[in-house]
Amino acid sequence: MVEPVQGEAGVVVPDDGYMQKCKELCHKHNVLFIADEVQTGLCRTGHRLAVDYDECKPDMVVLGKALSGGVLPVSAVLASDEIMLTLKPGEHGSTYGGNPLACKVATAALEVLRDEKLDENSHARGEQLRDGLSNMMGTTAIEQVRGRGLLNAIVIKEPKGSYGDTGKAWDLCLRMMENGLLAKPTHGNIIRFAPPLTISESEIDTCLGIIEKSLGQLD
C-alpha cells in the first residue's frame, strides 16, 4: 500500500515510473498493489488519480476527503470483481456503508470534477505556482520546490540551531497569515500548499505575491 505522492511527509514526489515498478514487483510476488489516493486522488495532483502519471492501474484504490466535496464524510475502495468478490455475503459489514445520502453527494462531487475539468485546472495552476515559487529560489529562504498539480510544498533553508524552537517555516507561516494567506509547516522546515481545485490564475498570482512579500519580512 503506497501513496503515489507522500502527503503528510511533505509532498514527496517519486521518480517517473516508480508506481509502475511497484506494481510489477507486487505482481511478481503475488501481492496486491494498493494505492492510497485519499489525499492525492480526485484531481488534486492534476490527474483524476495520481497513479495516472505513470499510466498505472493498481489492484485497489482507496479514496476519501474530496470524494464528497467537503459536504459529508465519504470514503470508497475501488477494485475489480475478482478481488471484491472474495468477500462472501455476511463476511463484511459496515454501519454506515453505502449510506444513500453520502453516495448521492459523492456522485455529485465527481460530476463537478468531471464537468468543470478540475483536473486540467489543477495541472495548469500547479505549474504556475511551482514556476513562481522556483523563481524565488536563490534570493529567498526557499531551498526546494516540489509537487504535482495543486499538491505542493517548499523546503525552507534553516541551519540547525539558528532559528529558535519553532523554526523559520513557522515564522514564515505567521507572516503569510498576517498578509492574507493561510498555510502550516510539516516536519519543521516544510510548508505545504494545497489550494482549492477551483483557484484561478489571478488568485495564484496573488498567493505568489503574498509568499514573496512574507519571505522578504523574515529576519
Protein backbone atom coordinates (compact mmCIF):
# COMPACT_ATOMS: atom_id res chain seq x y z
CA MET A 1 0.00 0.00 0.00
CA VAL A 2 1.54 3.30 -1.07
CA GLU A 3 0.70 6.97 -1.52
CA PRO A 4 1.50 7.99 -5.12
CA VAL A 5 2.77 11.26 -3.61
CA GLN A 6 3.56 11.27 0.10
CA GLY A 7 1.36 13.97 1.61
CA GLU A 8 2.00 14.28 5.34
CA ALA A 9 5.68 13.52 4.75
CA GLY A 10 5.96 16.89 3.00
CA VAL A 11 4.78 16.26 -0.58
CA VAL A 12 7.49 13.79 -1.58
CA VAL A 13 7.14 13.10 -5.32
CA PRO A 14 8.52 9.79 -6.66
CA ASP A 15 10.55 9.45 -9.84
CA ASP A 16 8.66 8.88 -13.08
CA GLY A 17 7.79 5.20 -13.48
CA TYR A 18 8.08 4.44 -9.76
CA MET A 19 4.46 3.37 -9.33
CA GLN A 20 4.58 1.07 -12.34
CA LYS A 21 7.71 -0.60 -10.97
CA CYS A 22 5.96 -1.05 -7.61
CA LYS A 23 3.07 -2.76 -9.36
CA GLU A 24 5.39 -5.07 -11.28
CA LEU A 25 7.21 -6.01 -8.08
CA CYS A 26 3.94 -6.73 -6.26
CA HIS A 27 2.61 -8.91 -9.06
CA LYS A 28 5.91 -10.80 -9.25
CA HIS A 29 5.43 -11.83 -5.62
CA ASN A 30 1.62 -12.26 -5.79
CA VAL A 31 0.95 -9.22 -3.59
CA LEU A 32 -1.95 -6.80 -4.10
CA PHE A 33 -0.81 -3.33 -5.16
CA ILE A 34 -2.98 -0.78 -3.30
CA ALA A 35 -2.84 2.97 -3.97
CA ASP A 36 -3.81 5.26 -1.10
CA GLU A 37 -5.32 8.17 -3.03
CA VAL A 38 -7.13 9.74 -0.07
CA GLN A 39 -5.03 12.91 -0.36
CA THR A 40 -3.73 12.65 -3.91
CA GLY A 41 -6.81 11.43 -5.78
CA LEU A 42 -9.69 13.19 -7.50
CA CYS A 43 -7.77 15.85 -9.45
CA ARG A 44 -5.56 17.06 -6.60
CA THR A 45 -2.34 16.23 -8.47
CA GLY A 46 -3.50 17.31 -11.92
CA HIS A 47 -4.98 13.94 -12.96
CA ARG A 48 -8.12 12.17 -11.81
CA LEU A 49 -5.81 9.85 -9.89
CA ALA A 50 -2.14 10.43 -9.11
CA VAL A 51 -1.25 6.94 -10.40
CA ASP A 52 -2.32 8.16 -13.85
CA TYR A 53 1.06 9.93 -14.13
CA ASP A 54 2.63 6.50 -14.63
CA GLU A 55 -0.37 5.09 -16.52
CA CYS A 56 -0.57 2.61 -13.67
CA LYS A 57 -3.72 0.72 -12.68
CA PRO A 58 -3.50 -0.54 -9.08
CA ASP A 59 -5.31 -3.65 -7.88
CA MET A 60 -7.12 -1.46 -5.35
CA VAL A 61 -7.59 2.30 -4.89
CA VAL A 62 -8.63 3.99 -1.64
CA LEU A 63 -10.47 7.34 -1.89
CA GLY A 64 -11.79 9.86 0.64
CA LYS A 65 -11.61 13.55 1.54
CA ALA A 66 -12.53 15.27 -1.77
CA LEU A 67 -14.96 12.47 -2.65
CA SER A 68 -17.80 14.42 -1.06
CA GLY A 69 -16.63 17.93 -1.94
CA GLY A 70 -16.41 18.68 1.78
CA VAL A 71 -20.14 18.11 2.40
CA LEU A 72 -20.22 14.71 4.18
CA PRO A 73 -17.68 12.12 5.37
CA VAL A 74 -17.34 9.68 2.47
CA SER A 75 -14.70 7.14 1.53
CA ALA A 76 -14.51 4.37 -1.04
CA VAL A 77 -12.49 1.35 -2.08
CA LEU A 78 -12.22 0.56 -5.78
CA ALA A 79 -11.20 -2.86 -7.09
CA SER A 80 -12.03 -5.49 -9.69
CA ASP A 81 -14.79 -8.08 -9.27
CA GLU A 82 -12.09 -10.74 -8.89
CA ILE A 83 -10.80 -9.04 -5.75
CA MET A 84 -14.04 -7.68 -4.28
CA LEU A 85 -15.98 -10.93 -4.68
CA THR A 86 -13.54 -12.79 -2.46
CA LEU A 87 -15.76 -11.32 0.27
CA LYS A 88 -18.84 -13.53 0.57
CA PRO A 89 -22.25 -12.36 1.84
CA GLY A 90 -22.13 -11.83 5.59
CA GLU A 91 -18.33 -11.75 5.83
CA HIS A 92 -18.02 -7.96 5.89
CA GLY A 93 -20.28 -5.25 7.27
CA SER A 94 -20.28 -1.52 7.92
CA THR A 95 -22.71 0.55 9.97
CA TYR A 96 -22.75 3.45 7.51
CA GLY A 97 -21.50 1.66 4.39
CA GLY A 98 -23.47 2.59 1.30
CA ASN A 99 -25.28 5.46 3.00
CA PRO A 100 -27.69 6.74 0.30
CA LEU A 101 -27.22 10.45 1.02
CA ALA A 102 -23.43 10.16 1.17
CA CYS A 103 -23.40 8.21 -2.10
CA LYS A 104 -25.56 10.85 -3.81
CA VAL A 105 -23.27 13.63 -2.58
CA ALA A 106 -20.20 11.72 -3.78
CA THR A 107 -21.76 11.23 -7.21
CA ALA A 108 -22.50 14.96 -7.49
CA ALA A 109 -18.96 15.85 -6.42
CA LEU A 110 -17.49 13.53 -9.06
CA GLU A 111 -19.70 15.13 -11.71
CA VAL A 112 -18.40 18.58 -10.77
CA LEU A 113 -14.79 17.39 -11.01
CA ARG A 114 -15.53 15.99 -14.47
CA ASP A 115 -17.77 18.71 -15.89
CA GLU A 116 -15.64 21.63 -14.70
CA LYS A 117 -12.43 19.87 -15.81
CA LEU A 118 -10.80 20.48 -12.46
CA ASP A 119 -8.00 18.06 -13.27
CA GLU A 120 -6.91 20.40 -16.07
CA ASN A 121 -7.16 23.46 -13.83
CA SER A 122 -5.18 21.68 -11.11
CA HIS A 123 -2.44 20.82 -13.59
CA ALA A 124 -2.21 24.34 -15.06
CA ARG A 125 -2.41 26.23 -11.78
CA GLY A 126 0.06 23.86 -10.15
CA GLU A 127 2.60 24.53 -12.90
CA GLN A 128 2.02 28.25 -12.43
CA LEU A 129 2.51 28.01 -8.66
CA ARG A 130 5.68 25.91 -8.86
CA ASP A 131 7.18 28.14 -11.56
CA GLY A 132 6.54 31.21 -9.42
CA LEU A 133 7.98 29.60 -6.29
CA SER A 134 11.02 28.31 -8.19
CA ASN A 135 11.75 31.85 -9.38
CA MET A 136 12.14 32.85 -5.71
CA MET A 137 14.88 30.31 -5.08
CA GLY A 138 18.35 31.76 -4.74
CA THR A 139 17.16 35.12 -3.41
CA THR A 140 14.93 33.90 -0.56
CA ALA A 141 14.85 31.20 2.11
CA ILE A 142 13.25 28.69 -0.29
CA GLU A 143 15.62 25.76 -0.78
CA GLN A 144 13.42 23.40 -2.80
CA VAL A 145 10.03 23.36 -4.55
CA ARG A 146 8.19 20.12 -5.23
CA GLY A 147 4.74 18.88 -6.05
CA ARG A 148 2.23 17.79 -8.66
CA GLY A 149 -0.92 19.61 -9.63
CA LEU A 150 -2.21 21.56 -6.65
CA LEU A 151 -0.40 19.49 -4.03
CA ASN A 152 2.87 21.34 -3.46
CA ALA A 153 5.50 22.16 -0.87
CA ILE A 154 8.51 24.35 -0.30
CA VAL A 155 11.54 23.43 1.80
CA ILE A 156 12.90 26.31 3.87
CA LYS A 157 16.63 26.76 4.45
CA GLU A 158 17.20 26.55 8.15
CA PRO A 159 20.62 25.71 9.61
CA LYS A 160 20.14 23.73 12.79
CA GLY A 161 20.04 25.77 15.97
CA SER A 162 19.84 29.07 14.17
CA TYR A 163 16.19 29.99 14.37
CA GLY A 164 14.60 29.23 17.73
CA ASP A 165 12.36 26.34 18.77
CA THR A 166 9.53 26.78 16.25
CA GLY A 167 11.71 27.37 13.21
CA LYS A 168 11.79 29.67 10.23
CA ALA A 169 8.98 27.83 8.40
CA TRP A 170 6.61 28.55 11.27
CA ASP A 171 7.69 32.17 11.31
CA LEU A 172 7.05 32.39 7.58
CA CYS A 173 3.55 30.93 8.05
CA LEU A 174 2.81 33.62 10.63
CA ARG A 175 3.99 36.33 8.22
CA MET A 176 1.84 34.86 5.44
CA MET A 177 -1.18 34.76 7.75
CA GLU A 178 -0.72 38.43 8.56
CA ASN A 179 -0.54 39.13 4.82
CA GLY A 180 -3.65 37.12 3.97
CA LEU A 181 -2.53 33.55 3.18
CA LEU A 182 -3.00 30.50 5.43
CA ALA A 183 -0.53 27.58 5.42
CA LYS A 184 1.19 25.41 8.01
CA PRO A 185 4.57 23.74 8.29
CA THR A 186 5.17 20.00 8.42
CA HIS A 187 8.33 18.23 9.57
CA GLY A 188 9.77 21.51 10.82
CA ASN A 189 11.07 23.20 7.68
CA ILE A 190 8.50 22.22 5.02
CA ILE A 191 5.38 24.23 4.12
CA ARG A 192 2.62 22.60 2.10
CA PHE A 193 0.33 24.44 -0.32
CA ALA A 194 -2.91 22.70 -1.36
CA PRO A 195 -5.31 25.43 -2.55
CA PRO A 196 -8.85 24.74 -3.86
CA LEU A 197 -9.05 22.98 -7.21
CA THR A 198 -11.13 25.92 -8.45
CA ILE A 199 -8.40 28.51 -7.83
CA SER A 200 -7.86 30.94 -10.71
CA GLU A 201 -4.74 32.21 -12.46
CA SER A 202 -5.06 35.65 -10.85
CA GLU A 203 -5.53 34.11 -7.40
CA ILE A 204 -2.33 32.10 -7.82
CA ASP A 205 -0.54 35.34 -8.71
CA THR A 206 -1.92 36.92 -5.55
CA CYS A 207 -0.69 33.96 -3.49
CA LEU A 208 2.77 34.20 -5.01
CA GLY A 209 2.88 37.91 -4.21
CA ILE A 210 2.00 37.24 -0.57
CA ILE A 211 4.57 34.47 -0.27
CA GLU A 212 7.32 36.65 -1.75
CA LYS A 213 6.39 39.59 0.47
CA SER A 214 6.37 37.36 3.55
CA LEU A 215 9.74 35.84 2.69
CA GLY A 216 11.15 39.35 2.50
CA GLN A 217 9.90 40.07 6.02
CA LEU A 218 11.86 37.20 7.60
CA ASP A 219 14.82 38.14 9.78
